[in-house]
N, C-alpha and C. Protein backbone atom coordinates (compact mmCIF):
# COMPACT_ATOMS: atom_id res chain seq x y z
N MET A 1 14.22 24.07 35.15
CA MET A 1 13.07 23.39 35.53
C MET A 1 13.13 22.40 34.74
N GLY A 2 13.14 20.88 35.14
CA GLY A 2 13.02 20.08 34.34
C GLY A 2 11.86 19.10 34.10
N LEU A 3 11.93 18.22 33.03
CA LEU A 3 10.59 17.35 32.80
C LEU A 3 10.72 16.00 33.20
N ALA A 4 9.86 15.62 33.82
CA ALA A 4 9.86 14.35 34.24
C ALA A 4 9.05 13.23 33.39
N THR A 5 9.10 12.29 32.78
CA THR A 5 8.72 11.57 31.85
C THR A 5 7.78 10.15 32.67
N VAL A 6 6.94 9.86 32.99
CA VAL A 6 6.28 9.10 33.55
C VAL A 6 5.88 7.88 32.59
N PRO A 7 6.27 6.52 32.91
CA PRO A 7 6.50 5.46 32.09
C PRO A 7 5.17 5.08 32.04
N GLN A 8 4.45 4.71 30.74
CA GLN A 8 3.48 4.38 30.45
C GLN A 8 3.43 2.81 30.70
N PRO A 9 2.28 2.47 31.40
CA PRO A 9 1.95 1.01 31.46
C PRO A 9 1.71 -0.24 30.13
N LEU A 10 2.00 -0.91 30.10
CA LEU A 10 1.74 -1.87 28.93
C LEU A 10 0.13 -1.79 28.91
N SER A 11 -0.37 -1.83 27.53
CA SER A 11 -1.77 -1.76 27.30
C SER A 11 -2.20 -2.48 26.41
N SER A 12 -3.49 -2.68 26.43
CA SER A 12 -3.94 -3.84 25.13
C SER A 12 -4.97 -3.27 24.54
N LEU A 13 -4.95 -3.50 23.60
CA LEU A 13 -6.34 -3.41 22.64
C LEU A 13 -7.03 -4.34 22.06
N ASN A 14 -8.37 -4.36 22.44
CA ASN A 14 -9.34 -5.54 22.10
C ASN A 14 -10.10 -5.00 20.88
N TYR A 15 -9.44 -5.54 19.66
CA TYR A 15 -10.03 -5.27 18.46
C TYR A 15 -10.73 -6.28 17.78
N ARG A 16 -11.73 -6.52 17.59
CA ARG A 16 -12.55 -7.60 17.23
C ARG A 16 -12.58 -7.94 15.64
N ILE A 17 -11.40 -8.40 15.37
CA ILE A 17 -11.08 -8.48 13.75
C ILE A 17 -12.17 -9.59 13.25
N PRO A 18 -12.55 -10.65 13.61
CA PRO A 18 -13.67 -11.44 12.99
C PRO A 18 -15.11 -10.76 12.50
N TYR A 19 -15.36 -9.80 13.58
CA TYR A 19 -16.52 -8.95 13.38
C TYR A 19 -16.36 -8.22 12.13
N HIS A 20 -15.16 -7.40 11.86
CA HIS A 20 -15.12 -6.71 10.75
C HIS A 20 -14.80 -7.48 9.45
N MET A 21 -13.91 -8.68 9.76
CA MET A 21 -14.05 -9.24 8.52
C MET A 21 -15.31 -9.66 7.85
N ILE A 22 -16.25 -10.39 8.73
CA ILE A 22 -17.30 -11.33 7.97
C ILE A 22 -18.17 -10.11 7.29
N PHE A 23 -18.24 -8.74 7.97
CA PHE A 23 -19.09 -7.79 7.29
C PHE A 23 -18.27 -7.58 6.23
N ASP A 24 -17.01 -7.00 5.80
CA ASP A 24 -16.25 -6.96 4.80
C ASP A 24 -16.60 -8.05 3.84
N HIS A 25 -16.44 -9.14 4.19
CA HIS A 25 -16.76 -10.55 3.11
C HIS A 25 -18.06 -10.58 2.77
N PHE A 26 -19.27 -10.11 3.57
CA PHE A 26 -20.55 -9.81 3.18
C PHE A 26 -20.44 -8.91 1.96
N ASP A 27 -19.74 -7.83 2.09
CA ASP A 27 -19.57 -6.51 1.18
C ASP A 27 -19.21 -6.87 -0.17
N TYR A 28 -18.21 -7.58 -0.03
CA TYR A 28 -17.53 -8.24 -1.39
C TYR A 28 -18.54 -9.26 -2.10
N LYS A 29 -18.84 -9.99 -1.15
CA LYS A 29 -19.86 -10.84 -1.90
C LYS A 29 -21.11 -9.77 -2.36
N ASN A 30 -21.78 -9.12 -1.92
CA ASN A 30 -22.78 -8.19 -2.62
C ASN A 30 -22.17 -7.81 -4.13
N LYS A 31 -21.07 -7.36 -3.90
CA LYS A 31 -20.55 -6.48 -4.82
C LYS A 31 -20.31 -7.40 -6.05
N VAL A 32 -19.73 -8.53 -5.55
CA VAL A 32 -19.69 -9.62 -6.95
C VAL A 32 -20.76 -10.15 -7.59
N ALA A 33 -21.52 -10.38 -6.62
CA ALA A 33 -23.22 -10.90 -7.05
C ALA A 33 -23.85 -9.73 -8.05
N ASN A 34 -23.73 -8.49 -7.43
CA ASN A 34 -24.51 -7.66 -8.27
C ASN A 34 -23.67 -7.84 -9.61
N TYR A 35 -22.41 -7.39 -9.41
CA TYR A 35 -21.76 -7.95 -11.31
C TYR A 35 -21.98 -8.80 -12.18
N SER A 36 -22.17 -9.93 -11.19
CA SER A 36 -22.39 -11.30 -12.05
C SER A 36 -23.83 -11.14 -12.71
N ALA A 37 -24.68 -10.29 -12.03
CA ALA A 37 -26.10 -10.14 -12.68
C ALA A 37 -26.01 -9.67 -14.14
N THR A 38 -25.07 -8.86 -14.41
CA THR A 38 -24.98 -8.28 -15.67
C THR A 38 -23.86 -8.71 -16.44
N HIS A 39 -23.06 -9.56 -16.07
CA HIS A 39 -21.77 -10.33 -16.59
C HIS A 39 -21.80 -11.55 -16.55
N PRO A 40 -22.45 -12.46 -17.52
CA PRO A 40 -22.58 -13.74 -17.28
C PRO A 40 -21.27 -14.20 -17.46
N ASN A 41 -20.02 -14.18 -18.00
CA ASN A 41 -19.16 -14.53 -18.00
C ASN A 41 -17.86 -14.11 -17.18
N MET A 42 -18.13 -14.27 -16.19
CA MET A 42 -17.46 -13.53 -14.73
C MET A 42 -16.38 -14.83 -14.59
N PRO A 43 -14.88 -14.03 -14.49
CA PRO A 43 -13.93 -15.08 -13.94
C PRO A 43 -14.14 -16.19 -12.96
N GLN A 44 -13.69 -17.18 -12.98
CA GLN A 44 -13.98 -18.17 -12.30
C GLN A 44 -13.59 -18.48 -10.83
N ALA A 45 -12.98 -17.41 -10.67
CA ALA A 45 -12.32 -16.99 -9.11
C ALA A 45 -13.31 -16.47 -8.44
N TRP A 46 -14.17 -15.53 -9.26
CA TRP A 46 -15.30 -14.94 -8.57
C TRP A 46 -16.26 -15.80 -8.10
N THR A 47 -16.73 -16.66 -9.27
CA THR A 47 -17.76 -17.75 -9.07
C THR A 47 -17.32 -18.53 -7.93
N ASN A 48 -16.48 -18.84 -7.75
CA ASN A 48 -15.82 -19.73 -6.58
C ASN A 48 -15.87 -19.11 -5.00
N PHE A 49 -15.57 -17.61 -5.20
CA PHE A 49 -15.93 -16.83 -4.32
C PHE A 49 -17.33 -16.80 -3.53
N LEU A 50 -18.13 -16.40 -4.74
CA LEU A 50 -19.52 -16.53 -4.24
C LEU A 50 -20.05 -18.09 -3.80
N GLN A 51 -19.70 -18.74 -4.29
CA GLN A 51 -19.99 -19.83 -3.68
C GLN A 51 -19.39 -20.88 -2.44
N GLY A 52 -18.32 -20.07 -1.95
CA GLY A 52 -17.45 -20.46 -0.68
C GLY A 52 -18.09 -19.84 0.51
N ASN A 53 -17.56 -20.09 1.44
CA ASN A 53 -18.05 -19.68 2.90
C ASN A 53 -16.88 -18.73 3.51
N PHE A 54 -17.09 -17.96 4.46
CA PHE A 54 -16.55 -17.19 5.30
C PHE A 54 -15.22 -17.98 6.05
N ILE A 55 -14.18 -17.72 6.14
CA ILE A 55 -13.05 -18.52 6.88
C ILE A 55 -12.88 -17.86 8.11
N TYR A 56 -13.19 -18.30 9.07
CA TYR A 56 -12.96 -17.56 10.36
C TYR A 56 -11.65 -17.62 10.60
N PRO A 57 -10.74 -16.47 11.07
CA PRO A 57 -9.69 -16.50 11.26
C PRO A 57 -9.07 -17.35 12.72
N PRO A 58 -7.98 -18.08 12.84
CA PRO A 58 -7.51 -18.60 14.07
C PRO A 58 -7.79 -17.58 15.25
N PHE A 59 -7.95 -18.48 16.37
CA PHE A 59 -8.22 -17.62 17.85
C PHE A 59 -6.75 -17.54 18.31
N GLY A 60 -6.21 -16.28 18.72
CA GLY A 60 -4.91 -16.03 19.06
C GLY A 60 -4.37 -14.77 19.42
N THR A 61 -3.43 -14.67 19.93
CA THR A 61 -2.89 -13.17 20.04
C THR A 61 -2.08 -12.90 18.94
N TYR A 62 -2.73 -11.66 18.28
CA TYR A 62 -1.64 -11.16 17.12
C TYR A 62 -1.01 -9.80 17.55
N ARG A 63 0.47 -9.70 17.25
CA ARG A 63 1.38 -8.36 17.29
C ARG A 63 0.84 -7.58 15.99
N VAL A 64 0.48 -6.48 16.60
CA VAL A 64 0.51 -5.32 15.85
C VAL A 64 1.10 -4.11 15.97
N VAL A 65 1.00 -3.52 15.05
CA VAL A 65 1.90 -2.11 15.17
C VAL A 65 1.03 -1.07 14.73
N LEU A 66 0.65 -0.11 15.56
CA LEU A 66 -0.11 1.19 15.30
C LEU A 66 0.27 2.40 15.15
N LYS A 67 0.20 3.17 14.39
CA LYS A 67 0.54 4.44 14.12
C LYS A 67 -0.60 5.52 14.01
N TYR A 68 -0.28 6.41 14.78
CA TYR A 68 -1.63 7.60 14.94
C TYR A 68 -0.90 9.07 14.38
N VAL A 69 -1.51 9.26 13.23
CA VAL A 69 -0.94 10.64 12.66
C VAL A 69 -2.34 11.67 12.66
N LEU A 70 -1.95 12.73 13.52
CA LEU A 70 -2.49 14.18 13.76
C LEU A 70 -3.19 14.45 12.51
N PRO A 71 -4.27 14.93 12.47
CA PRO A 71 -4.85 15.29 11.33
C PRO A 71 -4.62 16.88 11.05
N GLY A 72 -4.65 17.10 9.72
CA GLY A 72 -4.03 18.20 9.10
C GLY A 72 -2.76 18.60 8.86
């Protein structure tokens, strides 16, 4: 008895990366702000980060490689 492999159609994954990026941005800003409250001589780059804005990623199609690892 043989096995038949049915070709899978191309599929797409809609991952809203800006949504996750902005929440990471808020989280990092919160951590840096909390650090700055107790460390007045914070690095200048961190001060610049706190004073800057979120940079929205350009719209487009991005190629990605997904790898799934079975747990265990």
